[in-house]
């Protein structure tokens, strides 16, 4: 696993103009982001960059 292929919630929010709390809600509810596209290190959630790009790039 290469951590360069993942993005934090805050960076994801800035990149795609999302609310970080919305992303956290998706994770807490098990919605939108599949389990194999996210993982947690300590208190930091990481989302796969390629998935994020495919999912939210149209919002830019």
PDB file of N, CA and C in Angstrom:
ATOM      1  N   UNK A   1       0.850  -1.176   0.000  1.00  0.00           N
ATOM      2  CA  UNK A   1       0.000   0.000   0.000  1.00  0.00           C
ATOM      3  C   UNK A   1       0.897   1.241   0.000  1.00  0.00           C
ATOM      4  N   UNK A   2       0.664   2.113  -0.932  1.00  0.00           N
ATOM      5  CA  UNK A   2       1.420   3.347  -1.056  1.00  0.00           C
ATOM      6  C   UNK A   2       0.564   4.507  -0.553  1.00  0.00           C
ATOM      7  N   UNK A   3       1.007   5.160   0.498  1.00  0.00           N
ATOM      8  CA  UNK A   3       0.230   6.261   1.068  1.00  0.00           C
ATOM      9  C   UNK A   3       0.112   7.451   0.119  1.00  0.00           C
ATOM     10  N   UNK A   4       0.966   7.513  -0.892  1.00  0.00           N
ATOM     11  CA  UNK A   4       0.858   8.584  -1.887  1.00  0.00           C
ATOM     12  C   UNK A   4      -0.406   8.447  -2.730  1.00  0.00           C
ATOM     13  N   UNK A   5      -1.041   7.294  -2.677  1.00  0.00           N
ATOM     14  CA  UNK A   5      -2.273   7.059  -3.428  1.00  0.00           C
ATOM     15  C   UNK A   5      -3.515   7.428  -2.626  1.00  0.00           C
ATOM     16  N   UNK A   6      -3.330   8.027  -1.456  1.00  0.00           N
ATOM     17  CA  UNK A   6      -4.445   8.367  -0.576  1.00  0.00           C
ATOM     18  C   UNK A   6      -4.412   9.839  -0.220  1.00  0.00           C
ATOM     19  N   UNK A   7      -5.577  10.365   0.154  1.00  0.00           N
ATOM     20  CA  UNK A   7      -5.730  11.776   0.490  1.00  0.00           C
ATOM     21  C   UNK A   7      -6.510  11.876   1.802  1.00  0.00           C
ATOM     22  N   UNK A   8      -6.164  12.848   2.629  1.00  0.00           N
ATOM     23  CA  UNK A   8      -6.885  13.042   3.887  1.00  0.00           C
ATOM     24  C   UNK A   8      -8.238  13.697   3.621  1.00  0.00           C
ATOM     25  N   UNK A   9      -9.100  13.619   4.600  1.00  0.00           N
ATOM     26  CA  UNK A   9     -10.435  14.224   4.458  1.00  0.00           C
ATOM     27  C   UNK A   9     -10.330  15.733   4.224  1.00  0.00           C
ATOM     28  N   UNK A  10      -9.474  16.405   4.974  1.00  0.00           N
ATOM     29  CA  UNK A  10      -9.354  17.865   4.819  1.00  0.00           C
ATOM     30  C   UNK A  10      -8.816  18.246   3.447  1.00  0.00           C
ATOM     31  N   UNK A  11      -7.823  17.505   2.965  1.00  0.00           N
ATOM     32  CA  UNK A  11      -7.293  17.790   1.627  1.00  0.00           C
ATOM     33  C   UNK A  11      -8.326  17.474   0.554  1.00  0.00           C
ATOM     34  N   UNK A  12      -9.063  16.413   0.753  1.00  0.00           N
ATOM     35  CA  UNK A  12     -10.138  16.046  -0.174  1.00  0.00           C
ATOM     36  C   UNK A  12     -11.195  17.148  -0.227  1.00  0.00           C
ATOM     37  N   UNK A  13     -11.564  17.665   0.930  1.00  0.00           N
ATOM     38  CA  UNK A  13     -12.559  18.732   0.997  1.00  0.00           C
ATOM     39  C   UNK A  13     -12.094  19.982   0.256  1.00  0.00           C
ATOM     40  N   UNK A  14     -10.832  20.344   0.437  1.00  0.00           N
ATOM     41  CA  UNK A  14     -10.291  21.523  -0.250  1.00  0.00           C
ATOM     42  C   UNK A  14     -10.216  21.299  -1.755  1.00  0.00           C
ATOM     43  N   UNK A  15      -9.746  20.133  -2.139  1.00  0.00           N
ATOM     44  CA  UNK A  15      -9.552  19.816  -3.562  1.00  0.00           C
ATOM     45  C   UNK A  15     -10.864  19.833  -4.345  1.00  0.00           C
ATOM     46  N   UNK A  16     -11.927  19.291  -3.744  1.00  0.00           N
ATOM     47  CA  UNK A  16     -13.195  19.141  -4.472  1.00  0.00           C
ATOM     48  C   UNK A  16     -14.333  19.989  -3.915  1.00  0.00           C
ATOM     49  N   UNK A  17     -13.986  20.979  -3.107  1.00  0.00           N
ATOM     50  CA  UNK A  17     -14.979  21.908  -2.570  1.00  0.00           C
ATOM     51  C   UNK A  17     -16.112  21.179  -1.840  1.00  0.00           C
ATOM     52  N   UNK A  18     -15.716  20.310  -0.915  1.00  0.00           N
ATOM     53  CA  UNK A  18     -16.666  19.554  -0.104  1.00  0.00           C
ATOM     54  C   UNK A  18     -16.557  20.002   1.352  1.00  0.00           C
ATOM     55  N   UNK A  19     -17.539  19.653   2.140  1.00  0.00           N
ATOM     56  CA  UNK A  19     -17.492  19.917   3.567  1.00  0.00           C
ATOM     57  C   UNK A  19     -16.872  18.696   4.257  1.00  0.00           C
ATOM     58  N   UNK A  20     -15.813  18.869   5.058  1.00  0.00           N
ATOM     59  CA  UNK A  20     -15.197  17.728   5.734  1.00  0.00           C
ATOM     60  C   UNK A  20     -16.179  16.940   6.604  1.00  0.00           C
ATOM     61  N   UNK A  21     -17.124  17.631   7.228  1.00  0.00           N
ATOM     62  CA  UNK A  21     -18.116  16.947   8.063  1.00  0.00           C
ATOM     63  C   UNK A  21     -19.020  16.037   7.235  1.00  0.00           C
ATOM     64  N   UNK A  22     -19.299  16.425   6.017  1.00  0.00           N
ATOM     65  CA  UNK A  22     -20.099  15.587   5.121  1.00  0.00           C
ATOM     66  C   UNK A  22     -19.359  14.295   4.817  1.00  0.00           C
ATOM     67  N   UNK A  23     -18.070  14.403   4.548  1.00  0.00           N
ATOM     68  CA  UNK A  23     -17.263  13.213   4.256  1.00  0.00           C
ATOM     69  C   UNK A  23     -17.211  12.306   5.478  1.00  0.00           C
ATOM     70  N   UNK A  24     -17.016  12.897   6.660  1.00  0.00           N
ATOM     71  CA  UNK A  24     -17.014  12.104   7.896  1.00  0.00           C
ATOM     72  C   UNK A  24     -18.354  11.404   8.103  1.00  0.00           C
ATOM     73  N   UNK A  25     -19.445  12.068   7.758  1.00  0.00           N
ATOM     74  CA  UNK A  25     -20.767  11.455   7.871  1.00  0.00           C
ATOM     75  C   UNK A  25     -20.907  10.272   6.928  1.00  0.00           C
ATOM     76  N   UNK A  26     -20.399  10.419   5.700  1.00  0.00           N
ATOM     77  CA  UNK A  26     -20.417   9.306   4.753  1.00  0.00           C
ATOM     78  C   UNK A  26     -19.700   8.091   5.345  1.00  0.00           C
ATOM     79  N   UNK A  27     -18.549   8.344   5.964  1.00  0.00           N
ATOM     80  CA  UNK A  27     -17.768   7.263   6.545  1.00  0.00           C
ATOM     81  C   UNK A  27     -18.510   6.641   7.725  1.00  0.00           C
ATOM     82  N   UNK A  28     -19.047   7.464   8.619  1.00  0.00           N
ATOM     83  CA  UNK A  28     -19.739   6.966   9.806  1.00  0.00           C
ATOM     84  C   UNK A  28     -20.969   6.136   9.442  1.00  0.00           C
ATOM     85  N   UNK A  29     -21.657   6.523   8.405  1.00  0.00           N
ATOM     86  CA  UNK A  29     -22.873   5.815   7.991  1.00  0.00           C
ATOM     87  C   UNK A  29     -22.595   4.656   7.033  1.00  0.00           C
ATOM     88  N   UNK A  30     -21.355   4.562   6.561  1.00  0.00           N
ATOM     89  CA  UNK A  30     -21.018   3.514   5.600  1.00  0.00           C
ATOM     90  C   UNK A  30     -21.607   3.787   4.226  1.00  0.00           C
ATOM     91  N   UNK A  31     -21.743   5.062   3.882  1.00  0.00           N
ATOM     92  CA  UNK A  31     -22.326   5.468   2.607  1.00  0.00           C
ATOM     93  C   UNK A  31     -21.256   6.039   1.680  1.00  0.00           C
ATOM     94  N   UNK A  32     -21.519   6.002   0.397  1.00  0.00           N
ATOM     95  CA  UNK A  32     -20.754   6.664  -0.663  1.00  0.00           C
ATOM     96  C   UNK A  32     -19.335   6.105  -0.847  1.00  0.00           C
ATOM     97  N   UNK A  33     -18.581   5.974   0.231  1.00  0.00           N
ATOM     98  CA  UNK A  33     -17.183   5.544   0.130  1.00  0.00           C
ATOM     99  C   UNK A  33     -17.086   4.081   0.558  1.00  0.00           C
ATOM    100  N   UNK A  34     -16.779   3.176  -0.377  1.00  0.00           N
ATOM    101  CA  UNK A  34     -16.674   1.758  -0.038  1.00  0.00           C
ATOM    102  C   UNK A  34     -15.531   1.495   0.949  1.00  0.00           C
ATOM    103  N   UNK A  35     -15.661   0.428   1.713  1.00  0.00           N
ATOM    104  CA  UNK A  35     -14.656   0.091   2.723  1.00  0.00           C
ATOM    105  C   UNK A  35     -13.265  -0.109   2.137  1.00  0.00           C
ATOM    106  N   UNK A  36     -13.179  -0.618   0.920  1.00  0.00           N
ATOM    107  CA  UNK A  36     -11.856  -0.855   0.332  1.00  0.00           C
ATOM    108  C   UNK A  36     -11.219   0.412  -0.236  1.00  0.00           C
ATOM    109  N   UNK A  37     -11.916   1.542  -0.160  1.00  0.00           N
ATOM    110  CA  UNK A  37     -11.393   2.814  -0.680  1.00  0.00           C
ATOM    111  C   UNK A  37     -11.016   3.774   0.448  1.00  0.00           C
ATOM    112  N   UNK A  38     -11.115   3.325   1.690  1.00  0.00           N
ATOM    113  CA  UNK A  38     -10.803   4.188   2.836  1.00  0.00           C
ATOM    114  C   UNK A  38     -10.146   3.364   3.937  1.00  0.00           C
ATOM    115  N   UNK A  39      -9.348   4.019   4.746  1.00  0.00           N
ATOM    116  CA  UNK A  39      -8.834   3.397   5.956  1.00  0.00           C
ATOM    117  C   UNK A  39      -8.390   4.494   6.912  1.00  0.00           C
ATOM    118  N   UNK A  40      -8.161   4.094   8.138  1.00  0.00           N
ATOM    119  CA  UNK A  40      -7.858   5.061   9.188  1.00  0.00           C
ATOM    120  C   UNK A  40      -6.505   4.747   9.806  1.00  0.00           C
ATOM    121  N   UNK A  41      -5.703   5.787   9.964  1.00  0.00           N
ATOM    122  CA  UNK A  41      -4.439   5.698  10.694  1.00  0.00           C
ATOM    123  C   UNK A  41      -4.557   6.669  11.860  1.00  0.00           C
ATOM    124  N   UNK A  42      -4.582   6.138  13.068  1.00  0.00           N
ATOM    125  CA  UNK A  42      -4.780   6.996  14.246  1.00  0.00           C
ATOM    126  C   UNK A  42      -6.149   7.651  14.163  1.00  0.00           C
ATOM    127  N   UNK A  43      -6.165   8.967  14.143  1.00  0.00           N
ATOM    128  CA  UNK A  43      -7.422   9.722  14.038  1.00  0.00           C
ATOM    129  C   UNK A  43      -7.659  10.258  12.635  1.00  0.00           C
ATOM    130  N   UNK A  44      -6.828   9.860  11.685  1.00  0.00           N
ATOM    131  CA  UNK A  44      -6.889  10.406  10.334  1.00  0.00           C
ATOM    132  C   UNK A  44      -7.439   9.388   9.346  1.00  0.00           C
ATOM    133  N   UNK A  45      -8.526   9.774   8.690  1.00  0.00           N
ATOM    134  CA  UNK A  45      -9.080   8.945   7.621  1.00  0.00           C
ATOM    135  C   UNK A  45      -8.379   9.286   6.320  1.00  0.00           C
ATOM    136  N   UNK A  46      -8.092   8.262   5.534  1.00  0.00           N
ATOM    137  CA  UNK A  46      -7.489   8.427   4.216  1.00  0.00           C
ATOM    138  C   UNK A  46      -8.395   7.797   3.172  1.00  0.00           C
ATOM    139  N   UNK A  47      -8.587   8.518   2.088  1.00  0.00           N
ATOM    140  CA  UNK A  47      -9.453   8.084   0.994  1.00  0.00           C
ATOM    141  C   UNK A  47      -8.582   7.898  -0.239  1.00  0.00           C
ATOM    142  N   UNK A  48      -8.845   6.858  -0.999  1.00  0.00           N
ATOM    143  CA  UNK A  48      -8.069   6.594  -2.213  1.00  0.00           C
ATOM    144  C   UNK A  48      -8.254   7.760  -3.198  1.00  0.00           C
ATOM    145  N   UNK A  49      -7.147   8.312  -3.687  1.00  0.00           N
ATOM    146  CA  UNK A  49      -7.194   9.475  -4.589  1.00  0.00           C
ATOM    147  C   UNK A  49      -7.941   9.189  -5.887  1.00  0.00           C
ATOM    148  N   UNK A  50      -7.695   8.040  -6.480  1.00  0.00           N
ATOM    149  CA  UNK A  50      -8.339   7.717  -7.753  1.00  0.00           C
ATOM    150  C   UNK A  50      -9.860   7.629  -7.578  1.00  0.00           C
ATOM    151  N   UNK A  51     -10.310   7.020  -6.496  1.00  0.00           N
ATOM    152  CA  UNK A  51     -11.748   6.948  -6.213  1.00  0.00           C
ATOM    153  C   UNK A  51     -12.320   8.357  -6.048  1.00  0.00           C
ATOM    154  N   UNK A  52     -11.617   9.186  -5.267  1.00  0.00           N
ATOM    155  CA  UNK A  52     -12.080  10.559  -5.032  1.00  0.00           C
ATOM    156  C   UNK A  52     -12.173  11.337  -6.338  1.00  0.00           C
ATOM    157  N   UNK A  53     -11.175  11.168  -7.177  1.00  0.00           N
ATOM    158  CA  UNK A  53     -11.174  11.874  -8.462  1.00  0.00           C
ATOM    159  C   UNK A  53     -12.367  11.453  -9.312  1.00  0.00           C
ATOM    160  N   UNK A  54     -12.614  10.148  -9.383  1.00  0.00           N
ATOM    161  CA  UNK A  54     -13.745   9.647 -10.169  1.00  0.00           C
ATOM    162  C   UNK A  54     -15.084  10.102  -9.582  1.00  0.00           C
ATOM    163  N   UNK A  55     -15.161  10.143  -8.268  1.00  0.00           N
ATOM    164  CA  UNK A  55     -16.426  10.458  -7.592  1.00  0.00           C
ATOM    165  C   UNK A  55     -16.742  11.953  -7.602  1.00  0.00           C
ATOM    166  N   UNK A  56     -15.730  12.792  -7.353  1.00  0.00           N
ATOM    167  CA  UNK A  56     -16.009  14.209  -7.114  1.00  0.00           C
ATOM    168  C   UNK A  56     -15.376  15.175  -8.098  1.00  0.00           C
ATOM    169  N   UNK A  57     -14.648  14.738  -9.088  1.00  0.00           N
ATOM    170  CA  UNK A  57     -13.977  15.684  -9.984  1.00  0.00           C
ATOM    171  C   UNK A  57     -14.958  16.543 -10.779  1.00  0.00           C
ATOM    172  N   UNK A  58     -16.152  16.082 -10.967  1.00  0.00           N
ATOM    173  CA  UNK A  58     -17.150  16.845 -11.724  1.00  0.00           C
ATOM    174  C   UNK A  58     -17.661  18.039 -10.933  1.00  0.00           C
ATOM    175  N   UNK A  59     -17.407  18.072  -9.626  1.00  0.00           N
ATOM    176  CA  UNK A  59     -17.863  19.171  -8.768  1.00  0.00           C
ATOM    177  C   UNK A  59     -16.977  20.412  -8.877  1.00  0.00           C
ATOM    178  N   UNK A  60     -15.778  20.253  -9.399  1.00  0.00           N
ATOM    179  CA  UNK A  60     -14.831  21.371  -9.466  1.00  0.00           C
ATOM    180  C   UNK A  60     -15.344  22.502 -10.308  1.00  0.00           C
TER     181      UNK A  60
END
